[in-house]
Amino acid sequence: MFRLQGSKTLAVDLSGDAVKAKNGSMVAYDGRMTFKKMTGGGEGLRGMVTRRLTGEQMAVMEVTGQGTCFFADRASEISLVSLHGDKLYVEASNLLCTDAGLRTGTTFTGMRGSASGNGLFTTTVEGTGQAAIMSDGSAVALRVSAQYPLFVDPGAYIAHQGNLQQHFQSGVNFRTLMGEGSGESFQIRFEGEGLVYVQPSERNTIGGNV
């Protein structure tokens, strides 16, 4: 069971089962635990091929045992996401921990990934269980409906889930209108039904201060 200890530490209660977590993110544990280093970027043959083609390496460890294990990473804020047979798309740098039964992989993001300061591929988490994602500041889950598409700054994007289509487009934003932007600005337009997670801090992007 995943639970938060404050906003920056994840506690996972284990009873012989396992979780997958970002390598080096364990800060404490009680009981008996075993740790096994794995390689992220996807599972099985497809994941191996994807890693070779893209160079994506996400250091992951599998934790198994009896007791409670605590995870944190650079005082990042942590949010819990529940999956019920659906898929979560999340930037690899923002993924802290998942139930071991959830399947991980990669998917092509194209220009959206480049504009957000990440690679051309992003991580997918699929199945039924819990995942913990990290953000620079408290993340906000914004709902997208068929009537109301959502426009997101690529540098603030963390993850999304649901039946969503995303379109990368150039345009203006509030900073550009106020004369504080530098160069061309970019946006991600989300349409459909689902949730988009954003952080109140922005990565460096190819558009400068977008």
C-alpha atoms as a PDB file:
ATOM      1  CA  MET A   1       0.000   0.000   0.000  1.00  0.00           C
ATOM      2  CA  PHE A   2       1.296   3.430  -0.956  1.00  0.00           C
ATOM      3  CA  ARG A   3       0.886   6.320   1.475  1.00  0.00           C
ATOM      4  CA  LEU A   4       2.495   9.707   1.923  1.00  0.00           C
ATOM      5  CA  GLN A   5       4.530  10.714   4.959  1.00  0.00           C
ATOM      6  CA  GLY A   6       4.205  14.450   4.565  1.00  0.00           C
ATOM      7  CA  SER A   7       4.368  15.621   0.960  1.00  0.00           C
ATOM      8  CA  LYS A   8       7.936  14.580   0.088  1.00  0.00           C
ATOM      9  CA  THR A   9       8.288  11.018   1.366  1.00  0.00           C
ATOM     10  CA  LEU A  10       6.506   7.896   0.098  1.00  0.00           C
ATOM     11  CA  ALA A  11       5.889   5.000   2.487  1.00  0.00           C
ATOM     12  CA  VAL A  12       5.197   1.574   0.953  1.00  0.00           C
ATOM     13  CA  ASP A  13       3.975  -1.273   3.149  1.00  0.00           C
ATOM     14  CA  LEU A  14       5.165  -4.640   1.830  1.00  0.00           C
ATOM     15  CA  SER A  15       4.036  -8.107   2.869  1.00  0.00           C
ATOM     16  CA  GLY A  16       6.119 -10.322   0.625  1.00  0.00           C
ATOM     17  CA  ASP A  17       5.236  -8.395  -2.523  1.00  0.00           C
ATOM     18  CA  ALA A  18       7.398  -5.989  -4.511  1.00  0.00           C
ATOM     19  CA  VAL A  19       7.589  -2.474  -5.920  1.00  0.00           C
ATOM     20  CA  LYS A  20       9.766  -0.842  -8.564  1.00  0.00           C
ATOM     21  CA  ALA A  21      11.368   2.455  -7.619  1.00  0.00           C
ATOM     22  CA  LYS A  22      13.878   4.957  -8.935  1.00  0.00           C
ATOM     23  CA  ASN A  23      17.345   3.663  -8.169  1.00  0.00           C
ATOM     24  CA  GLY A  24      18.811   5.327  -5.084  1.00  0.00           C
ATOM     25  CA  SER A  25      15.486   6.750  -3.870  1.00  0.00           C
ATOM     26  CA  MET A  26      15.214   4.553  -0.763  1.00  0.00           C
ATOM     27  CA  VAL A  27      15.860   6.682   2.333  1.00  0.00           C
ATOM     28  CA  ALA A  28      14.869   4.221   5.105  1.00  0.00           C
ATOM     29  CA  TYR A  29      13.132   0.918   5.784  1.00  0.00           C
ATOM     30  CA  ASP A  30      12.056  -1.322   8.607  1.00  0.00           C
ATOM     31  CA  GLY A  31      11.670  -5.091   8.454  1.00  0.00           C
ATOM     32  CA  ARG A  32      13.440  -7.292   5.921  1.00  0.00           C
ATOM     33  CA  MET A  33      14.032  -5.982   2.411  1.00  0.00           C
ATOM     34  CA  THR A  34      15.964  -7.103  -0.646  1.00  0.00           C
ATOM     35  CA  PHE A  35      17.002  -4.730  -3.428  1.00  0.00           C
ATOM     36  CA  LYS A  36      17.662  -5.669  -7.039  1.00  0.00           C
ATOM     37  CA  LYS A  37      18.887  -3.183  -9.640  1.00  0.00           C
ATOM     38  CA  MET A  38      17.008  -3.245 -12.946  1.00  0.00           C
ATOM     39  CA  THR A  39      17.168  -1.273 -16.194  1.00  0.00           C
ATOM     40  CA  GLY A  40      14.242   0.936 -17.153  1.00  0.00           C
ATOM     41  CA  GLY A  41      12.988   2.177 -20.499  1.00  0.00           C
ATOM     42  CA  GLY A  42      10.604  -0.716 -20.980  1.00  0.00           C
ATOM     43  CA  GLU A  43      10.375  -4.435 -20.304  1.00  0.00           C
ATOM     44  CA  GLY A  44      11.116  -7.411 -22.525  1.00  0.00           C
ATOM     45  CA  LEU A  45      12.567  -7.443 -26.024  1.00  0.00           C
ATOM     46  CA  ARG A  46      10.727  -4.305 -27.146  1.00  0.00           C
ATOM     47  CA  GLY A  47      12.082  -2.385 -24.172  1.00  0.00           C
ATOM     48  CA  MET A  48      15.612  -3.576 -24.862  1.00  0.00           C
ATOM     49  CA  VAL A  49      15.404  -2.532 -28.517  1.00  0.00           C
ATOM     50  CA  THR A  50      13.914   0.841 -27.571  1.00  0.00           C
ATOM     51  CA  ARG A  51      16.731   1.492 -25.110  1.00  0.00           C
ATOM     52  CA  ARG A  52      19.327   0.658 -27.756  1.00  0.00           C
ATOM     53  CA  LEU A  53      17.699   2.912 -30.355  1.00  0.00           C
ATOM     54  CA  THR A  54      17.018   5.883 -28.086  1.00  0.00           C
ATOM     55  CA  GLY A  55      19.761   5.590 -25.513  1.00  0.00           C
ATOM     56  CA  GLU A  56      17.134   6.011 -22.791  1.00  0.00           C
ATOM     57  CA  GLN A  57      18.329   4.580 -19.514  1.00  0.00           C
ATOM     58  CA  MET A  58      16.133   4.811 -16.436  1.00  0.00           C
ATOM     59  CA  ALA A  59      17.803   3.279 -13.380  1.00  0.00           C
ATOM     60  CA  VAL A  60      15.202   1.251 -11.475  1.00  0.00           C
ATOM     61  CA  MET A  61      15.418  -1.047  -8.485  1.00  0.00           C
ATOM     62  CA  GLU A  62      12.990  -3.754  -7.395  1.00  0.00           C
ATOM     63  CA  VAL A  63      12.300  -3.852  -3.666  1.00  0.00           C
ATOM     64  CA  THR A  64      10.840  -7.004  -2.100  1.00  0.00           C
ATOM     65  CA  GLY A  65      10.228  -7.822   1.530  1.00  0.00           C
ATOM     66  CA  GLN A  66       8.242  -7.587   4.716  1.00  0.00           C
ATOM     67  CA  GLY A  67       7.893  -4.200   6.378  1.00  0.00           C
ATOM     68  CA  THR A  68       7.797  -0.584   5.291  1.00  0.00           C
ATOM     69  CA  CYS A  69      10.132   1.095   2.820  1.00  0.00           C
ATOM     70  CA  PHE A  70      10.435   4.867   2.495  1.00  0.00           C
ATOM     71  CA  PHE A  71      11.305   6.651  -0.767  1.00  0.00           C
ATOM     72  CA  ALA A  72      12.172  10.248  -1.615  1.00  0.00           C
ATOM     73  CA  ASP A  73      14.206  12.109  -4.231  1.00  0.00           C
ATOM     74  CA  ARG A  74      15.774  15.548  -3.804  1.00  0.00           C
ATOM     75  CA  ALA A  75      12.877  16.814  -1.664  1.00  0.00           C
ATOM     76  CA  SER A  76      10.508  16.611  -4.645  1.00  0.00           C
ATOM     77  CA  GLU A  77       6.792  16.762  -3.976  1.00  0.00           C
ATOM     78  CA  ILE A  78       5.066  13.393  -4.445  1.00  0.00           C
ATOM     79  CA  SER A  79       1.592  12.619  -5.798  1.00  0.00           C
ATOM     80  CA  LEU A  80      -0.158   9.238  -5.882  1.00  0.00           C
ATOM     81  CA  VAL A  81      -1.890   8.004  -9.025  1.00  0.00           C
ATOM     82  CA  SER A  82      -4.278   5.027  -9.061  1.00  0.00           C
ATOM     83  CA  LEU A  83      -4.590   2.971 -12.231  1.00  0.00           C
ATOM     84  CA  HIS A  84      -7.530   0.702 -12.991  1.00  0.00           C
ATOM     85  CA  GLY A  85      -6.506  -1.082 -16.163  1.00  0.00           C
ATOM     86  CA  ASP A  86      -5.595   2.184 -17.861  1.00  0.00           C
ATOM     87  CA  LYS A  87      -2.285   3.737 -18.874  1.00  0.00           C
ATOM     88  CA  LEU A  88      -0.253   6.570 -17.381  1.00  0.00           C
ATOM     89  CA  TYR A  89       2.143   8.561 -19.570  1.00  0.00           C
ATOM     90  CA  VAL A  90       4.856  10.121 -17.421  1.00  0.00           C
ATOM     91  CA  GLU A  91       8.262  11.702 -17.958  1.00  0.00           C
ATOM     92  CA  ALA A  92      10.907   9.244 -16.724  1.00  0.00           C
ATOM     93  CA  SER A  93      12.484  11.873 -14.484  1.00  0.00           C
ATOM     94  CA  ASN A  94       9.136  12.347 -12.704  1.00  0.00           C
ATOM     95  CA  LEU A  95       8.427   8.677 -11.939  1.00  0.00           C
ATOM     96  CA  LEU A  96       9.375   7.609  -8.394  1.00  0.00           C
ATOM     97  CA  CYS A  97       7.726   4.244  -7.704  1.00  0.00           C
ATOM     98  CA  THR A  98       5.163   1.749  -9.069  1.00  0.00           C
ATOM     99  CA  ASP A  99       3.567  -1.498  -7.991  1.00  0.00           C
ATOM    100  CA  ALA A 100       5.669  -4.342  -9.388  1.00  0.00           C
ATOM    101  CA  GLY A 101       2.613  -5.700 -11.213  1.00  0.00           C
ATOM    102  CA  LEU A 102       2.295  -2.592 -13.374  1.00  0.00           C
ATOM    103  CA  ARG A 103       3.826  -2.861 -16.828  1.00  0.00           C
ATOM    104  CA  THR A 104       6.277  -0.184 -17.914  1.00  0.00           C
ATOM    105  CA  GLY A 105       7.294   0.736 -21.432  1.00  0.00           C
ATOM    106  CA  THR A 106       8.064   3.666 -23.700  1.00  0.00           C
ATOM    107  CA  THR A 107       6.151   5.588 -26.325  1.00  0.00           C
ATOM    108  CA  PHE A 108       7.210   8.101 -28.978  1.00  0.00           C
ATOM    109  CA  THR A 109       6.522  11.760 -28.178  1.00  0.00           C
ATOM    110  CA  GLY A 110       8.250  13.451 -31.091  1.00  0.00           C
ATOM    111  CA  MET A 111       8.440  17.231 -30.941  1.00  0.00           C
ATOM    112  CA  ARG A 112       6.508  17.361 -27.677  1.00  0.00           C
ATOM    113  CA  GLY A 113       9.322  15.538 -25.914  1.00  0.00           C
ATOM    114  CA  SER A 114      11.983  17.758 -27.426  1.00  0.00           C
ATOM    115  CA  ALA A 115      10.083  20.922 -26.566  1.00  0.00           C
ATOM    116  CA  SER A 116       9.669  19.867 -22.936  1.00  0.00           C
ATOM    117  CA  GLY A 117      13.398  19.376 -22.522  1.00  0.00           C
ATOM    118  CA  ASN A 118      13.066  15.577 -22.456  1.00  0.00           C
ATOM    119  CA  GLY A 119      13.856  12.947 -25.065  1.00  0.00           C
ATOM    120  CA  LEU A 120      11.773  11.757 -27.984  1.00  0.00           C
ATOM    121  CA  PHE A 121      10.274   8.963 -25.859  1.00  0.00           C
ATOM    122  CA  THR A 122       8.319   9.027 -22.613  1.00  0.00           C
ATOM    123  CA  THR A 123       7.575   6.297 -20.062  1.00  0.00           C
ATOM    124  CA  THR A 124       4.258   4.444 -19.902  1.00  0.00           C
ATOM    125  CA  VAL A 125       2.848   2.653 -16.861  1.00  0.00           C
ATOM    126  CA  GLU A 126      -0.098   0.324 -17.461  1.00  0.00           C
ATOM    127  CA  GLY A 127      -2.336  -2.040 -15.475  1.00  0.00           C
ATOM    128  CA  THR A 128      -4.035  -1.974 -12.094  1.00  0.00           C
ATOM    129  CA  GLY A 129      -2.197  -0.583  -9.092  1.00  0.00           C
ATOM    130  CA  GLN A 130      -0.543   2.546  -7.762  1.00  0.00           C
ATOM    131  CA  ALA A 131       2.216   4.807  -9.001  1.00  0.00           C
ATOM    132  CA  ALA A 132       3.983   7.712  -7.337  1.00  0.00           C
ATOM    133  CA  ILE A 133       5.059  10.679  -9.441  1.00  0.00           C
ATOM    134  CA  MET A 134       7.297  13.601  -8.484  1.00  0.00           C
ATOM    135  CA  SER A 135       7.128  17.302  -9.196  1.00  0.00           C
ATOM    136  CA  ASP A 136       9.017  20.502  -8.509  1.00  0.00           C
ATOM    137  CA  GLY A 137       6.398  22.011  -6.226  1.00  0.00           C
ATOM    138  CA  SER A 138       2.934  20.598  -5.595  1.00  0.00           C
ATOM    139  CA  ALA A 139       1.511  19.007  -8.751  1.00  0.00           C
ATOM    140  CA  VAL A 140      -1.970  19.891  -9.956  1.00  0.00           C
ATOM    141  CA  ALA A 141      -4.262  17.417 -11.732  1.00  0.00           C
ATOM    142  CA  LEU A 142      -6.248  19.260 -14.400  1.00  0.00           C
ATOM    143  CA  ARG A 143      -9.283  17.590 -15.934  1.00  0.00           C
ATOM    144  CA  VAL A 144      -9.812  17.629 -19.688  1.00  0.00           C
ATOM    145  CA  SER A 145     -13.295  17.180 -21.130  1.00  0.00           C
ATOM    146  CA  ALA A 146     -14.630  16.967 -24.667  1.00  0.00           C
ATOM    147  CA  GLN A 147     -15.996  20.495 -24.333  1.00  0.00           C
ATOM    148  CA  TYR A 148     -12.879  22.053 -22.849  1.00  0.00           C
ATOM    149  CA  PRO A 149      -9.461  21.224 -24.321  1.00  0.00           C
ATOM    150  CA  LEU A 150      -6.432  22.038 -22.206  1.00  0.00           C
ATOM    151  CA  PHE A 151      -3.314  23.955 -23.262  1.00  0.00           C
ATOM    152  CA  VAL A 152      -0.150  23.136 -21.309  1.00  0.00           C
ATOM    153  CA  ASP A 153       3.331  24.602 -21.229  1.00  0.00           C
ATOM    154  CA  PRO A 154       5.662  21.711 -22.227  1.00  0.00           C
ATOM    155  CA  GLY A 155       8.094  22.658 -19.464  1.00  0.00           C
ATOM    156  CA  ALA A 156       5.407  22.256 -16.782  1.00  0.00           C
ATOM    157  CA  TYR A 157       4.013  18.947 -18.075  1.00  0.00           C
ATOM    158  CA  ILE A 158       4.562  15.854 -15.879  1.00  0.00           C
ATOM    159  CA  ALA A 159       2.094  13.154 -16.886  1.00  0.00           C
ATOM    160  CA  HIS A 160      -1.369  12.371 -18.210  1.00  0.00           C
ATOM    161  CA  GLN A 161      -3.906   9.545 -18.176  1.00  0.00           C
ATOM    162  CA  GLY A 162      -7.234   8.825 -19.794  1.00  0.00           C
ATOM    163  CA  ASN A 163      -8.526   8.927 -23.351  1.00  0.00           C
ATOM    164  CA  LEU A 164      -6.548  11.962 -24.465  1.00  0.00           C
ATOM    165  CA  GLN A 165      -5.094  13.109 -27.753  1.00  0.00           C
ATOM    166  CA  GLN A 166      -2.234  15.576 -27.680  1.00  0.00           C
ATOM    167  CA  HIS A 167      -1.131  18.021 -30.354  1.00  0.00           C
ATOM    168  CA  PHE A 168       2.061  20.019 -30.321  1.00  0.00           C
ATOM    169  CA  GLN A 169       1.670  23.557 -31.600  1.00  0.00           C
ATOM    170  CA  SER A 170       3.450  26.897 -31.649  1.00  0.00           C
ATOM    171  CA  GLY A 171       1.754  30.010 -30.402  1.00  0.00           C
ATOM    172  CA  VAL A 172       1.866  32.644 -27.706  1.00  0.00           C
ATOM    173  CA  ASN A 173       1.431  32.498 -23.966  1.00  0.00           C
ATOM    174  CA  PHE A 174       1.049  34.977 -21.140  1.00  0.00           C
ATOM    175  CA  ARG A 175       4.781  35.657 -20.873  1.00  0.00           C
ATOM    176  CA  THR A 176       5.010  36.415 -24.577  1.00  0.00           C
ATOM    177  CA  LEU A 177       2.057  38.799 -24.337  1.00  0.00           C
ATOM    178  CA  MET A 178       3.724  40.606 -21.436  1.00  0.00           C
ATOM    179  CA  GLY A 179       6.996  40.902 -23.331  1.00  0.00           C
ATOM    180  CA  GLU A 180       8.858  38.475 -21.052  1.00  0.00           C
ATOM    181  CA  GLY A 181       9.192  35.592 -23.523  1.00  0.00           C
ATOM    182  CA  SER A 182      12.257  34.813 -25.592  1.00  0.00           C
ATOM    183  CA  GLY A 183      11.855  33.333 -29.042  1.00  0.00           C
ATOM    184  CA  GLU A 184       8.957  31.192 -30.257  1.00  0.00           C
ATOM    185  CA  SER A 185       6.710  29.631 -27.630  1.00  0.00           C
ATOM    186  CA  PHE A 186       5.147  26.175 -27.721  1.00  0.00           C
ATOM    187  CA  GLN A 187       2.090  24.517 -26.249  1.00  0.00           C
ATOM    188  CA  ILE A 188       0.592  21.057 -25.931  1.00  0.00           C
ATOM    189  CA  ARG A 189      -3.119  20.890 -26.689  1.00  0.00           C
ATOM    190  CA  PHE A 190      -4.928  18.005 -24.944  1.00  0.00           C
ATOM    191  CA  GLU A 191      -8.347  16.898 -26.191  1.00  0.00           C
ATOM    192  CA  GLY A 192     -10.676  14.149 -24.998  1.00  0.00           C
ATOM    193  CA  GLU A 193     -11.417  12.905 -21.486  1.00  0.00           C
ATOM    194  CA  GLY A 194      -8.746  12.525 -18.824  1.00  0.00           C
ATOM    195  CA  LEU A 195      -6.322  14.142 -16.403  1.00  0.00           C
ATOM    196  CA  VAL A 196      -3.122  16.083 -17.032  1.00  0.00           C
ATOM    197  CA  TYR A 197      -0.589  16.598 -14.232  1.00  0.00           C
ATOM    198  CA  VAL A 198       1.422  19.809 -14.250  1.00  0.00           C
ATOM    199  CA  GLN A 199       3.998  21.297 -11.886  1.00  0.00           C
ATOM    200  CA  PRO A 200       4.378  24.954 -10.828  1.00  0.00           C
ATOM    201  CA  SER A 201       7.914  25.031 -12.215  1.00  0.00           C
ATOM    202  CA  GLU A 202       9.251  24.765 -15.745  1.00  0.00           C
ATOM    203  CA  ARG A 203      12.115  22.879 -17.332  1.00  0.00           C
ATOM    204  CA  ASN A 204      14.342  24.566 -19.875  1.00  0.00           C
ATOM    205  CA  THR A 205      12.807  24.077 -23.318  1.00  0.00           C
ATOM    206  CA  ILE A 206      13.887  24.577 -26.894  1.00  0.00           C
ATOM    207  CA  GLY A 207      11.613  27.614 -27.007  1.00  0.00           C
ATOM    208  CA  GLY A 208      13.491  29.385 -24.248  1.00  0.00           C
ATOM    209  CA  ASN A 209      11.280  30.844 -21.526  1.00  0.00           C
ATOM    210  CA  VAL A 210       8.007  29.544 -22.922  1.00  0.00           C
END
